[in-house]
Structure formats: structure tokens, C-alpha cells
Amino acid sequence: MVQVGNSRRQRIAAVQFEGNGAVLTQFISAATRAILMAILVATPAMILPNVSSDASQIALLMSFFAAALIFIEYFSTYPSIIEFRYAPPFNRLRFIVVFITVFTLASIERGLTEPNALTGLLRAIGTLAGNALDFPYSPIRLVIIALPADAAIADVSFVRTSAGLAYALSMISLGVFYFMVRARDWPARNGAFNVWVNLPLFDPTAGGDVLPRLNRDGRLNIALGFLLPFMFPAFFNAISELANPLQLTNPQTLIWTVVVWAFFPAGMIMRGIAMIRIASMIDENRKRAYAVAQGLQPV
């Protein structure tokens, strides 16, 4: 009896240890993500020269807010707003590309006053991308048209470089994600996909069959993602008469405006592709279950 009691206490202690280890692992994971997000938000203020103390304090405050939001989201057991938490590398791909874009744009701006080999290389790549994508009716041309009429030639060139580089990187991220979906069988390679956990803003129990809703929302996201880069500059022009025009010549304003302009639509397209992919997975599982129920050999 004593041995049985000891074995039971040992099993309980082992379960408690495993539970504490899981909580610690989740805490470290959430803290790491929060630190990385804080670094991303603070990158322009850390790299750009001649940043005022007020701008630095605002960047620090925004970094703390972003880090707290990410930590709470990933440390909590249940999802709230961040989608595809357990379907890597969806969010990791978006973070990496956005960080590369922010770092590159800030380095190019710093190279205007403190040039070196790295900033020169990045500026050459950005100039090449901007010139290649600056053609009539392109999103880059519309961004340039949105600048004030009295903008200097150097400012127009820098906006073209920044917008072209950001847009090119967003297209690369879409290509990489599409490759993962088609060639790497995302997200099936990660195991079972939980719609409720990975799509907390999508209610699978509301409004009819989930398949038409997923396909409809996916196509809508893709359509809006393609249209938004063209609509944003037109929106800025429309409100310019009611408010002060957006000062894209300010370095930090330029960086974050270009990042939102390029990657918010790209993120919507990625979300649309992911939702259509999930709908196809659900359809395949239904067909397989129906075949098994009918006594047929599943394909």
C-alpha cells in the first residue's frame, strides 16, 4: 500500500511539473513575441537620425502598447483577435517581411545623411524596384500623385523608392505564402486545424453552411486586397481638401504609411487564400466521411 501511495503521489507531482512546464513555455513564447513586436515598432526611432525626444517617447509608448497586446494575446488560453495562432508560419512570415521592410526603409533614410555600403545597396535595390513598378495607373504612380504639388524632387524620388520596395516585398510574401499552400500543403502539415482557435473572428455556427461563407469571405478579402493599394491614394486625395494632406515626406510617417499601404492589402489577400484553403480542407474531410459512411473506399 505504501508503494502504491508513493507511486500515486509521484504521478501527481509529475503532472503538476508538466503543467508548470507548459505554463513556463507559454510565458517564454509570449514574452519573446512581445519583445520582437516592441523592437519592430521602435525600429524607425532607433535607426533614423535626428529623432526628437517627443518622437522617441511616442515610439517607446507605442512599442510598450504593442508588446503588451501581443503578450496578452499569446499568453491567454483562448484566442481573441489574432488569427492563425496555431497555423505557422502564417504570422511569422508576415512579421518577418514587415520587419525587413521597416528596417530597410529606415536604413535608406539614414543613408541620406550617414551613407555606408549597406544603405547604398538597399537604396539601389529600392530605386530599381520603384522605377520598375512606377508605370501609368500603377499603385506606385498613384502614391506619387498623392504627394503635395510642391514636393521636392528628392522627396518624390524617396517616396517612389520606399513605395516600390515595400510593394515588391509584399508581393514576394504573397508568392511565398502561395507556395506554402500549394506545394507545402499548409496548414495540413501542422496537424488538425481548429477553425475556432485559428479564426476567432469567424463564427462557424452563424448563418448557414460554413463552406460557402468561408469561400465568400476568402474571395472578398482577395478582391479588397487587390483594390486597396489603388483606393488608399485616392482616399488621401479626396480628404486633402478637408484636412491637411498627409505629410509623406516626414521619415517616420512615410515608413509606417507605406508599410500599412503595402502590407495591409497583402495581409487581406493572404487571409483570403487561407480561408479558401481551409474551406477546401473541410470539403475534402466531408467527402471522405461521406464515402466511409456509404461503405466506399476513401480516396
Foldseek 3Di string as FASTA:
>chain_A
DVVVVVVVVVVVVVVVVVVVVVLVVLQVVLQVVLVLQLCLLCVLVVQAPPDDPVNNVVSNVVSNVSSVVSSVQSSDPAHDAAFPPLFPDLVVLLSVLLSVLLNLLSLLNNCVPVNDDVNVVSQVVLLVQLVVQPDPPGLLVLQLVLDDPPDDPVLSSSLSSSLSVLQVSLVVSLVVLVCCVPVVVPPPVSPDDDCCRRPVVDDCVPDDHNLVVLLVQLVVLLVCLVCQSSVVSVVQVVCCVVDPGQDCSPSVSVSVVSNCSRNVSSSSNSSSVVSNSVSVVVVLVVVQVVCVVVVHDRD
